[in-house]
Amino acid sequence: MRPRNAALIGLGMVADTHAHALRDAGAARLHGVMARDADKARAFADRHGQPRVYEDLDALAADEELDFVILLTPPDARQDIIRTLAAAGLPVLMEKPVERDTGRAEAIVTLMDEAGLACGVTLQHRMRPAALDLQARLAAGQLGRIGSVDIRIPWWRDQSYYDSPGRGTYGRDGGGVLITQAIHTLDLALHLCGHVTGVQALTATTRLHELEGEDFATAGLRFASGAVGSVMATTAQFPGASEEIVINCERASARLAGDHLVLHWRDGRIEEIGGSGTTGGGGADPMAFTHAWHQAVIEDFATALADDRPPAITARSALAVHRLIDAIAASSRQGRQIPLQGALT
């Protein structure tokens, strides 16, 4: 299989991660880049092997050698770009979130579905080896039925992070810690444990930060399986620590911290799988993490195009975590439990 040619649109904080992932990927390569600032795009290209620099979106869409686009813009800039890419027949892999809220995210998914084009999201926590191991065990019923789930994202961001224009706003990002940081761990929890049917929540902006959105959120959860759970997410816990999911089952409890899985079996056995549990991104440096999981997402997306199959992480599957985040926010605003509909397919 020849490597698929990919172009990056948007060259913000995470663009170097995607460029490094493409550098090391076997199924895809960096073919071109585009940004609003042409000088920035040329400088980026100079650092990453001299891919093409597109003058504008029309030039990118007209490139017959291009196989797919990796979209890294803020969520509020997506709709018009994706409309142009869909018209050009270009599949899209985008950074999370799909858009600022569920309604806008659904519009993007519908647009790409109607065009018959692959649309994926880099919710790369699903690709961590320890998470894949735990998913396989849960799916096979090795741990028994799930009783309860505890989700914690105790991260830290300096005020300087939120001083960047648009960051943590509803207009550009769709909110604060939930949609920007916690979305990865919440998505993984849904992927492992099934969909949530009810939420009772509180969100707030602590006195440690100034931003429009929330830097703290907590909620009780009811799962369709009958399990119950809790979530706490913040960027106000100095110095920050790895996110963690604890799943308490009939035969064992699983603690997934970063890419480190510990299984405590009821018969006394203890198993450990994966890395150290410290994967980066939870402290003051939001980019302190490996590009390996982004690479896994990109490799899968490119291979899916070659094999004419859906990618492992579709934009449609990401609608579930969008709905959960919207429900947490609504529950806090309204001061009541918010029901959620069934799982999205």
Protein backbone atom coordinates (compact mmCIF):
# COMPACT_ATOMS: atom_id res chain seq x y z
CA MET A 1 0.00 0.00 0.00
CA ARG A 2 1.38 3.39 -0.95
CA PRO A 3 1.44 6.01 1.82
CA ARG A 4 -1.64 8.26 1.69
CA ASN A 5 -0.94 11.96 1.19
CA ALA A 6 -2.24 14.12 4.06
CA ALA A 7 -2.49 17.88 4.44
CA LEU A 8 -2.68 19.79 7.71
CA ILE A 9 -5.09 22.73 7.96
CA GLY A 10 -4.38 24.88 11.01
CA LEU A 11 -0.91 25.03 12.54
CA GLY A 12 -1.54 25.69 16.23
CA MET A 13 -0.24 23.92 19.33
CA VAL A 14 -0.93 20.34 18.23
CA ALA A 15 0.32 20.66 14.64
CA ASP A 16 3.89 19.59 15.45
CA THR A 17 2.50 16.45 17.12
CA HIS A 18 0.65 15.52 13.93
CA ALA A 19 3.70 16.30 11.79
CA HIS A 20 5.87 14.04 13.94
CA ALA A 21 3.20 11.33 13.78
CA LEU A 22 3.11 11.58 9.97
CA ARG A 23 6.92 11.51 9.84
CA ASP A 24 6.94 8.15 11.63
CA ALA A 25 3.83 6.70 10.00
CA GLY A 26 4.08 4.04 7.34
CA ALA A 27 0.58 4.41 5.90
CA ALA A 28 0.55 8.22 5.51
CA ARG A 29 2.88 11.12 4.82
CA LEU A 30 2.79 14.91 5.20
CA HIS A 31 2.02 16.23 1.74
CA GLY A 32 0.93 19.82 2.40
CA VAL A 33 0.07 22.47 4.98
CA MET A 34 -2.20 25.49 5.15
CA ALA A 35 -2.66 28.27 7.71
CA ARG A 36 -4.14 31.76 7.81
CA ASP A 37 -0.61 33.13 8.33
CA ALA A 38 1.40 32.30 5.20
CA ASP A 39 4.74 33.05 6.89
CA LYS A 40 3.87 30.65 9.71
CA ALA A 41 2.94 27.98 7.17
CA ARG A 42 6.25 28.36 5.33
CA ALA A 43 8.21 28.23 8.59
CA PHE A 44 6.32 25.10 9.62
CA ALA A 45 7.05 23.49 6.24
CA ASP A 46 10.75 24.31 6.63
CA ARG A 47 10.78 22.42 9.96
CA HIS A 48 8.93 19.40 8.64
CA GLY A 49 10.47 18.27 5.37
CA GLN A 50 9.22 20.93 2.96
CA PRO A 51 5.66 19.80 2.21
CA ARG A 52 3.56 21.96 -0.11
CA VAL A 53 2.26 25.24 1.26
CA TYR A 54 -1.22 26.05 -0.03
CA GLU A 55 -2.16 29.66 -0.59
CA ASP A 56 -5.81 29.05 0.26
CA LEU A 57 -8.46 26.38 0.72
CA ASP A 58 -9.38 26.33 -2.96
CA ALA A 59 -5.78 25.49 -3.90
CA LEU A 60 -5.73 22.66 -1.36
CA ALA A 61 -9.08 21.27 -2.54
CA ALA A 62 -7.84 21.28 -6.15
CA ASP A 63 -4.73 19.19 -5.36
CA GLU A 64 -5.35 15.89 -7.15
CA GLU A 65 -2.47 14.19 -5.29
CA LEU A 66 -4.07 14.78 -1.89
CA ASP A 67 -5.82 11.80 -0.24
CA PHE A 68 -7.15 13.27 3.02
CA VAL A 69 -7.02 16.27 5.30
CA ILE A 70 -6.17 16.53 8.99
CA LEU A 71 -8.14 19.48 10.34
CA LEU A 72 -6.56 21.21 13.35
CA THR A 73 -8.46 24.50 13.45
CA PRO A 74 -10.41 25.67 16.52
CA PRO A 75 -13.89 24.11 16.53
CA ASP A 76 -15.67 27.33 15.51
CA ALA A 77 -13.77 27.42 12.19
CA ARG A 78 -14.83 23.97 10.95
CA GLN A 79 -18.18 24.23 9.14
CA ASP A 80 -17.21 26.17 6.00
CA ILE A 81 -13.90 24.34 5.63
CA ILE A 82 -15.53 20.92 5.81
CA ARG A 83 -18.20 21.99 3.33
CA THR A 84 -15.47 22.82 0.81
CA LEU A 85 -13.53 19.61 1.53
CA ALA A 86 -16.67 17.50 1.18
CA ALA A 87 -17.44 19.10 -2.17
CA ALA A 88 -13.91 18.19 -3.29
CA GLY A 89 -14.37 14.58 -2.18
CA LEU A 90 -11.71 14.72 0.53
CA PRO A 91 -11.99 12.58 3.69
CA VAL A 92 -11.31 14.42 6.95
CA LEU A 93 -9.59 13.46 10.18
CA MET A 94 -10.04 16.22 12.74
CA GLU A 95 -8.76 17.13 16.16
CA LYS A 96 -11.30 16.92 18.96
CA PRO A 97 -13.90 18.21 19.51
CA VAL A 98 -15.95 17.82 16.34
CA GLU A 99 -17.54 21.22 17.02
CA ARG A 100 -18.54 23.39 19.98
CA ASP A 101 -21.70 21.48 20.87
CA THR A 102 -23.70 18.44 19.84
CA GLY A 103 -25.96 20.19 17.33
CA ARG A 104 -23.07 21.65 15.36
CA ALA A 105 -21.13 18.37 15.61
CA GLU A 106 -24.14 16.48 14.23
CA ALA A 107 -24.28 18.89 11.29
CA ILE A 108 -20.67 18.07 10.37
CA VAL A 109 -21.25 14.33 10.70
CA THR A 110 -24.37 14.53 8.52
CA LEU A 111 -22.54 16.59 5.88
CA MET A 112 -19.72 14.04 5.60
CA ASP A 113 -22.11 11.08 5.68
CA GLU A 114 -24.19 12.54 2.86
CA ALA A 115 -21.00 13.04 0.84
CA GLY A 116 -20.06 9.39 1.44
CA LEU A 117 -16.69 10.38 2.92
CA ALA A 118 -14.75 9.08 5.90
CA CYS A 119 -14.72 11.44 8.87
CA GLY A 120 -12.61 10.63 11.93
CA VAL A 121 -11.57 12.26 15.21
CA THR A 122 -8.26 12.05 17.08
CA LEU A 123 -9.64 10.75 20.36
CA GLN A 124 -6.33 8.97 20.69
CA HIS A 125 -6.78 7.68 24.26
CA ARG A 126 -8.70 4.78 22.69
CA MET A 127 -5.45 3.73 20.99
CA ARG A 128 -3.34 3.44 24.12
CA PRO A 129 -2.19 -0.19 24.50
CA ALA A 130 -3.43 -0.52 28.10
CA ALA A 131 -6.85 0.85 27.09
CA LEU A 132 -7.05 -1.63 24.21
CA ASP A 133 -6.17 -4.45 26.62
CA LEU A 134 -8.85 -3.39 29.10
CA GLN A 135 -11.47 -2.99 26.36
CA ALA A 136 -10.81 -6.53 25.14
CA ARG A 137 -11.13 -7.96 28.66
CA LEU A 138 -14.37 -6.11 29.34
CA ALA A 139 -15.85 -7.12 25.98
CA ALA A 140 -14.98 -10.76 26.67
CA GLY A 141 -16.64 -10.60 30.10
CA GLN A 142 -13.46 -11.52 31.94
CA LEU A 143 -14.05 -8.99 34.73
CA GLY A 144 -17.79 -9.64 35.06
CA ARG A 145 -20.49 -7.01 35.13
CA ILE A 146 -19.55 -3.41 35.91
CA GLY A 147 -20.83 -2.08 39.25
CA SER A 148 -19.36 1.42 39.41
CA VAL A 149 -17.01 3.74 37.54
CA ASP A 150 -14.83 6.57 38.89
CA ILE A 151 -13.38 9.06 36.38
CA ARG A 152 -10.84 11.70 37.45
CA ILE A 153 -9.01 14.31 35.36
CA PRO A 154 -6.95 16.32 37.90
CA TRP A 155 -5.07 18.64 35.55
CA TRP A 156 -3.41 22.02 35.88
CA ARG A 157 -3.18 24.99 33.52
CA ASP A 158 -1.51 28.31 34.29
CA GLN A 159 -3.52 31.47 33.74
CA SER A 160 -1.25 32.21 30.78
CA TYR A 161 -2.91 29.29 28.98
CA TYR A 162 -6.32 30.98 29.23
CA ASP A 163 -4.90 34.39 28.35
CA SER A 164 -4.50 33.19 24.76
CA PRO A 165 -7.29 34.83 22.70
CA GLY A 166 -10.40 32.65 22.47
CA ARG A 167 -9.19 29.88 24.76
CA GLY A 168 -11.79 28.67 27.22
CA THR A 169 -14.59 30.66 25.55
CA TYR A 170 -17.96 29.35 24.41
CA GLY A 171 -17.72 31.14 21.07
CA ARG A 172 -14.48 29.49 19.93
CA ASP A 173 -13.96 26.35 22.03
CA GLY A 174 -17.45 25.55 23.29
CA GLY A 175 -16.47 25.85 26.96
CA GLY A 176 -13.62 24.97 29.29
CA VAL A 177 -12.19 21.83 30.85
CA LEU A 178 -14.97 19.47 29.74
CA ILE A 179 -14.75 19.92 25.99
CA THR A 180 -11.06 20.80 25.77
CA GLN A 181 -9.34 18.47 28.28
CA ALA A 182 -11.79 15.97 29.80
CA ILE A 183 -13.31 14.97 26.46
CA HIS A 184 -10.55 12.39 25.90
CA THR A 185 -11.07 10.53 29.19
CA LEU A 186 -14.86 10.83 29.05
CA ASP A 187 -14.84 9.40 25.54
CA LEU A 188 -12.65 6.51 26.66
CA ALA A 189 -14.91 5.82 29.65
CA LEU A 190 -17.93 5.61 27.32
CA HIS A 191 -15.95 3.41 24.94
CA LEU A 192 -15.14 1.02 27.79
CA CYS A 193 -18.35 1.12 29.84
CA GLY A 194 -21.17 1.94 27.44
CA HIS A 195 -23.42 4.96 27.21
CA VAL A 196 -24.75 7.11 30.03
CA THR A 197 -28.50 7.51 30.57
CA GLY A 198 -28.56 10.18 33.30
CA VAL A 199 -26.37 12.98 34.71
CA GLN A 200 -26.51 15.10 37.88
CA ALA A 201 -23.76 17.72 37.75
CA LEU A 202 -22.06 20.87 39.01
CA THR A 203 -19.67 23.00 36.96
CA ALA A 204 -17.84 26.14 38.08
CA THR A 205 -15.01 28.55 37.38
CA THR A 206 -12.72 28.57 40.41
CA ARG A 207 -11.02 31.65 41.82
CA LEU A 208 -7.71 30.23 40.52
CA HIS A 209 -8.48 31.14 36.90
CA GLU A 210 -10.16 33.80 34.80
CA LEU A 211 -11.96 32.31 31.80
CA GLU A 212 -15.47 32.31 30.36
CA GLY A 213 -15.92 28.54 30.54
CA GLU A 214 -15.55 26.14 33.48
CA ASP A 215 -12.28 24.94 35.00
CA PHE A 216 -14.03 22.48 37.36
CA ALA A 217 -16.80 19.95 36.78
CA THR A 218 -18.19 17.06 38.77
CA ALA A 219 -21.12 14.76 38.07
CA GLY A 220 -22.87 11.58 39.08
CA LEU A 221 -23.57 9.21 36.20
CA ARG A 222 -26.01 6.40 35.48
CA PHE A 223 -25.00 3.93 32.78
CA ALA A 224 -27.36 1.94 30.58
CA SER A 225 -25.79 -1.25 31.94
CA GLY A 226 -27.08 -0.44 35.43
CA ALA A 227 -23.68 0.74 36.68
CA VAL A 228 -23.30 4.06 38.44
CA GLY A 229 -20.34 6.42 38.34
CA SER A 230 -18.75 9.73 39.10
CA VAL A 231 -16.56 12.16 37.21
CA MET A 232 -14.33 15.04 38.37
CA ALA A 233 -12.47 17.16 35.84
CA THR A 234 -10.43 20.28 36.49
CA THR A 235 -7.52 22.36 35.26
CA ALA A 236 -7.18 23.94 38.71
CA GLN A 237 -5.32 21.13 40.53
CA PHE A 238 -1.65 22.09 40.80
CA PRO A 239 0.74 20.61 39.71
CA GLY A 240 -1.56 18.26 37.77
CA ALA A 241 -1.62 14.47 37.53
CA SER A 242 -2.57 11.76 35.07
CA GLU A 243 -6.21 11.14 34.30
CA GLU A 244 -7.62 7.96 35.81
CA ILE A 245 -10.55 5.60 35.23
CA VAL A 246 -11.40 3.03 37.90
CA ILE A 247 -13.91 0.34 36.88
CA ASN A 248 -15.22 -1.87 39.69
CA CYS A 249 -16.52 -5.21 38.40
CA GLU A 250 -17.76 -8.51 39.81
CA ARG A 251 -14.45 -10.36 39.48
CA ALA A 252 -11.89 -7.54 39.55
CA SER A 253 -11.34 -3.81 39.71
CA ALA A 254 -9.42 -2.11 36.90
CA ARG A 255 -7.45 1.11 37.46
CA LEU A 256 -6.38 2.78 34.20
CA ALA A 257 -4.06 5.74 34.85
CA GLY A 258 -2.65 7.17 31.65
CA ASP A 259 -1.35 4.09 29.83
CA HIS A 260 -0.87 2.01 32.99
CA LEU A 261 -3.48 -0.62 33.83
CA VAL A 262 -3.64 -2.42 37.18
CA LEU A 263 -6.11 -5.27 37.68
CA HIS A 264 -6.95 -6.30 41.25
CA TRP A 265 -8.66 -9.69 41.02
CA ARG A 266 -10.99 -10.90 43.75
CA ASP A 267 -8.91 -14.08 44.08
CA GLY A 268 -5.89 -12.01 45.16
CA ARG A 269 -4.00 -11.75 41.86
CA ILE A 270 -2.64 -8.39 40.71
CA GLU A 271 -1.79 -7.73 37.07
CA GLU A 272 -0.02 -4.65 35.69
CA ILE A 273 -0.04 -3.75 31.99
CA GLY A 274 1.43 -0.83 30.07
CA GLY A 275 3.49 2.22 30.89
CA SER A 276 4.29 4.19 34.01
CA GLY A 277 0.93 5.92 34.37
CA THR A 278 2.43 9.34 33.69
CA THR A 279 1.70 10.23 30.08
CA GLY A 280 2.00 14.01 30.17
CA GLY A 281 -0.39 16.82 29.30
CA GLY A 282 -1.82 17.07 32.81
CA GLY A 283 0.63 19.66 34.09
CA ALA A 284 1.45 23.20 33.07
CA ASP A 285 2.81 22.09 29.68
CA PRO A 286 -0.21 20.92 27.64
CA MET A 287 2.01 19.44 24.93
CA ALA A 288 4.07 17.15 27.20
CA PHE A 289 2.94 13.87 25.63
CA THR A 290 4.08 11.36 23.02
CA HIS A 291 2.88 11.47 19.42
CA ALA A 292 2.59 7.66 19.30
CA TRP A 293 -1.18 7.55 19.86
CA HIS A 294 -1.84 10.28 17.28
CA GLN A 295 0.28 8.18 14.92
CA ALA A 296 -1.89 5.14 15.65
CA VAL A 297 -5.05 7.12 14.82
CA ILE A 298 -3.54 8.46 11.59
CA GLU A 299 -2.24 5.03 10.55
CA ASP A 300 -5.67 3.51 11.10
CA PHE A 301 -7.41 6.31 9.18
CA ALA A 302 -5.07 5.99 6.18
CA THR A 303 -5.36 2.20 6.21
CA ALA A 304 -9.16 2.48 6.41
CA LEU A 305 -9.15 4.59 3.25
CA ALA A 306 -7.02 2.01 1.47
CA ASP A 307 -9.20 -0.88 2.66
CA ASP A 308 -12.48 0.97 2.00
CA ARG A 309 -13.69 0.51 5.60
CA PRO A 310 -14.74 2.97 8.34
CA PRO A 311 -11.93 4.29 10.54
CA ALA A 312 -11.70 2.97 14.10
CA ILE A 313 -12.67 6.35 15.59
CA THR A 314 -15.42 7.96 13.56
CA ALA A 315 -16.83 11.42 14.07
CA ARG A 316 -20.23 9.78 14.53
CA SER A 317 -18.92 7.75 17.48
CA ALA A 318 -17.65 10.99 19.04
CA LEU A 319 -21.20 12.36 19.20
CA ALA A 320 -21.75 10.28 22.36
CA VAL A 321 -19.17 12.23 24.36
CA HIS A 322 -20.51 15.51 22.95
CA ARG A 323 -23.96 14.59 24.25
CA LEU A 324 -22.53 13.71 27.66
CA ILE A 325 -20.64 17.01 27.93
CA ASP A 326 -23.74 18.98 26.92
CA ALA A 327 -25.78 17.06 29.52
CA ILE A 328 -23.26 17.83 32.29
CA ALA A 329 -23.38 21.52 31.43
CA ALA A 330 -27.19 21.52 31.23
CA SER A 331 -27.52 19.69 34.55
CA SER A 332 -25.35 22.29 36.28
CA ARG A 333 -27.29 25.20 34.75
CA GLN A 334 -30.70 23.74 35.58
CA GLY A 335 -29.84 22.17 38.93
CA ARG A 336 -31.47 18.84 38.08
CA GLN A 337 -30.80 15.42 36.64
CA ILE A 338 -30.62 15.36 32.85
CA PRO A 339 -31.61 12.18 30.98
CA LEU A 340 -29.72 11.10 27.89
CA GLN A 341 -31.04 9.12 24.94
CA GLY A 342 -29.67 5.77 23.83
CA ALA A 343 -26.27 5.17 22.30
CA LEU A 344 -25.55 6.78 18.95
CA THR A 345 -24.59 4.59 16.01
